[in-house]
């Protein structure tokens, strides 16, 4: 078995990134505007900036 076949047989995992609390709401909005991405309307739950851990705030 060659290296490529071996790699194809290895278990796979989903690679993804969660952007929650990785940037400020203002930065998220600016990036969305720059890239032409529509964000949910303001009547939806707001995009919030989290600081600290969920237990310490």
N, C-alpha and C. Protein backbone atom coordinates (compact mmCIF):
# COMPACT_ATOMS: atom_id res chain seq x y z
N UNK A 1 0.86 -1.18 0.00
CA UNK A 1 0.00 0.00 0.00
C UNK A 1 0.91 1.24 0.00
N UNK A 2 0.61 2.15 -0.90
CA UNK A 2 1.43 3.37 -0.94
C UNK A 2 0.88 4.42 0.03
N UNK A 3 1.61 5.50 0.19
CA UNK A 3 1.24 6.54 1.16
C UNK A 3 -0.12 7.15 0.87
N UNK A 4 -0.44 7.38 -0.39
CA UNK A 4 -1.72 7.99 -0.74
C UNK A 4 -2.88 7.07 -0.38
N UNK A 5 -2.75 5.78 -0.66
CA UNK A 5 -3.80 4.83 -0.28
C UNK A 5 -3.96 4.79 1.23
N UNK A 6 -2.84 4.80 1.95
CA UNK A 6 -2.88 4.79 3.41
C UNK A 6 -3.64 6.01 3.93
N UNK A 7 -3.34 7.17 3.39
CA UNK A 7 -4.02 8.40 3.82
C UNK A 7 -5.51 8.35 3.52
N UNK A 8 -5.88 7.79 2.39
CA UNK A 8 -7.30 7.68 2.04
C UNK A 8 -8.05 6.78 3.02
N UNK A 9 -7.38 5.80 3.59
CA UNK A 9 -8.02 4.86 4.51
C UNK A 9 -8.13 5.38 5.94
N UNK A 10 -7.38 6.42 6.26
CA UNK A 10 -7.43 6.96 7.63
C UNK A 10 -8.80 7.55 7.94
N UNK A 11 -9.25 7.43 9.19
CA UNK A 11 -10.53 8.07 9.56
C UNK A 11 -10.44 9.58 9.34
N UNK A 12 -11.54 10.16 8.97
CA UNK A 12 -11.58 11.61 8.69
C UNK A 12 -12.35 12.32 9.80
N UNK A 13 -12.06 13.57 9.94
CA UNK A 13 -12.78 14.41 10.89
C UNK A 13 -13.21 15.68 10.19
N UNK A 14 -14.28 16.26 10.66
CA UNK A 14 -14.75 17.51 10.08
C UNK A 14 -13.92 18.65 10.66
N UNK A 15 -13.36 19.46 9.80
CA UNK A 15 -12.61 20.62 10.25
C UNK A 15 -13.47 21.85 10.01
N UNK A 16 -13.70 22.59 11.04
CA UNK A 16 -14.49 23.81 10.92
C UNK A 16 -14.09 24.78 12.03
N UNK A 17 -14.56 25.97 11.90
CA UNK A 17 -14.20 27.01 12.87
C UNK A 17 -15.46 27.67 13.39
N UNK A 18 -15.52 27.87 14.69
CA UNK A 18 -16.62 28.61 15.30
C UNK A 18 -16.15 30.04 15.51
N UNK A 19 -16.89 30.99 14.95
CA UNK A 19 -16.50 32.38 15.09
C UNK A 19 -17.11 33.03 16.33
N UNK A 20 -17.94 32.29 17.06
CA UNK A 20 -18.57 32.85 18.24
C UNK A 20 -17.49 33.31 19.21
N UNK A 21 -17.57 34.54 19.59
CA UNK A 21 -16.67 35.20 20.54
C UNK A 21 -15.21 35.27 20.09
N UNK A 22 -14.96 35.13 18.79
CA UNK A 22 -13.60 35.29 18.31
C UNK A 22 -13.35 36.68 17.76
N UNK A 23 -14.42 37.47 17.63
CA UNK A 23 -14.29 38.85 17.15
C UNK A 23 -15.44 39.67 17.70
N UNK A 24 -15.27 40.96 17.70
CA UNK A 24 -16.33 41.84 18.20
C UNK A 24 -17.48 41.89 17.20
N UNK A 25 -18.65 42.27 17.69
CA UNK A 25 -19.81 42.41 16.82
C UNK A 25 -19.54 43.45 15.73
N UNK A 26 -18.87 44.54 16.09
CA UNK A 26 -18.56 45.59 15.11
C UNK A 26 -17.67 45.04 13.99
N UNK A 27 -16.68 44.22 14.36
CA UNK A 27 -15.79 43.63 13.35
C UNK A 27 -16.55 42.66 12.46
N UNK A 28 -17.43 41.85 13.04
CA UNK A 28 -18.24 40.92 12.28
C UNK A 28 -19.11 41.66 11.27
N UNK A 29 -19.74 42.73 11.70
CA UNK A 29 -20.60 43.53 10.82
C UNK A 29 -19.78 44.15 9.70
N UNK A 30 -18.60 44.70 10.04
CA UNK A 30 -17.74 45.31 9.03
C UNK A 30 -17.29 44.28 7.99
N UNK A 31 -16.91 43.09 8.44
CA UNK A 31 -16.49 42.05 7.50
C UNK A 31 -17.65 41.61 6.61
N UNK A 32 -18.83 41.46 7.20
CA UNK A 32 -20.00 41.07 6.42
C UNK A 32 -20.31 42.11 5.35
N UNK A 33 -20.25 43.38 5.73
CA UNK A 33 -20.51 44.45 4.76
C UNK A 33 -19.46 44.44 3.66
N UNK A 34 -18.20 44.28 4.03
CA UNK A 34 -17.12 44.28 3.04
C UNK A 34 -17.26 43.13 2.04
N UNK A 35 -17.70 41.96 2.54
CA UNK A 35 -17.81 40.78 1.70
C UNK A 35 -19.19 40.63 1.06
N UNK A 36 -20.10 41.56 1.35
CA UNK A 36 -21.44 41.50 0.76
C UNK A 36 -22.31 40.39 1.32
N UNK A 37 -22.08 40.05 2.58
CA UNK A 37 -22.85 38.99 3.23
C UNK A 37 -23.97 39.62 4.03
N UNK A 38 -25.19 39.16 3.78
CA UNK A 38 -26.35 39.68 4.51
C UNK A 38 -26.41 39.03 5.90
N UNK A 39 -26.53 39.85 6.91
CA UNK A 39 -26.69 39.36 8.27
C UNK A 39 -28.17 39.30 8.60
N UNK A 40 -28.55 38.53 9.62
CA UNK A 40 -29.96 38.47 10.02
C UNK A 40 -30.47 39.86 10.39
N UNK A 41 -31.78 40.09 10.23
CA UNK A 41 -32.33 41.40 10.59
C UNK A 41 -32.15 41.68 12.08
N UNK A 42 -32.25 42.95 12.44
CA UNK A 42 -32.03 43.34 13.83
C UNK A 42 -33.09 42.78 14.77
N UNK A 43 -34.21 42.27 14.23
CA UNK A 43 -35.22 41.67 15.11
C UNK A 43 -34.79 40.29 15.58
N UNK A 44 -33.75 39.71 14.94
CA UNK A 44 -33.22 38.43 15.39
C UNK A 44 -32.40 38.66 16.65
N UNK A 45 -32.09 37.58 17.38
CA UNK A 45 -31.22 37.78 18.55
C UNK A 45 -29.94 38.48 18.13
N UNK A 46 -29.48 39.44 18.91
CA UNK A 46 -28.31 40.24 18.51
C UNK A 46 -27.03 39.43 18.51
N UNK A 47 -26.11 39.87 17.69
CA UNK A 47 -24.75 39.32 17.74
C UNK A 47 -24.12 39.94 18.98
N UNK A 48 -23.58 39.11 19.85
CA UNK A 48 -23.02 39.66 21.07
C UNK A 48 -21.54 39.37 21.17
N UNK A 49 -20.88 40.22 21.87
CA UNK A 49 -19.47 40.03 22.15
C UNK A 49 -19.36 39.47 23.56
N UNK A 50 -18.73 38.34 23.68
CA UNK A 50 -18.55 37.72 24.99
C UNK A 50 -17.16 38.05 25.49
N UNK A 51 -17.06 38.39 26.73
CA UNK A 51 -15.74 38.63 27.31
C UNK A 51 -15.61 37.74 28.52
N UNK A 52 -14.46 37.16 28.68
CA UNK A 52 -14.26 36.25 29.79
C UNK A 52 -14.92 34.91 29.52
N UNK A 53 -15.01 34.10 30.53
CA UNK A 53 -15.62 32.79 30.39
C UNK A 53 -17.10 32.89 30.73
N UNK A 54 -17.89 31.89 30.33
CA UNK A 54 -19.33 31.92 30.65
C UNK A 54 -19.61 32.02 32.15
N UNK A 55 -18.69 31.55 32.97
CA UNK A 55 -18.93 31.59 34.41
C UNK A 55 -18.47 32.89 35.06
N UNK A 56 -17.48 33.55 34.46
CA UNK A 56 -16.97 34.76 35.08
C UNK A 56 -17.47 36.03 34.41
N UNK A 57 -18.06 35.89 33.21
CA UNK A 57 -18.57 37.06 32.51
C UNK A 57 -17.51 37.76 31.87
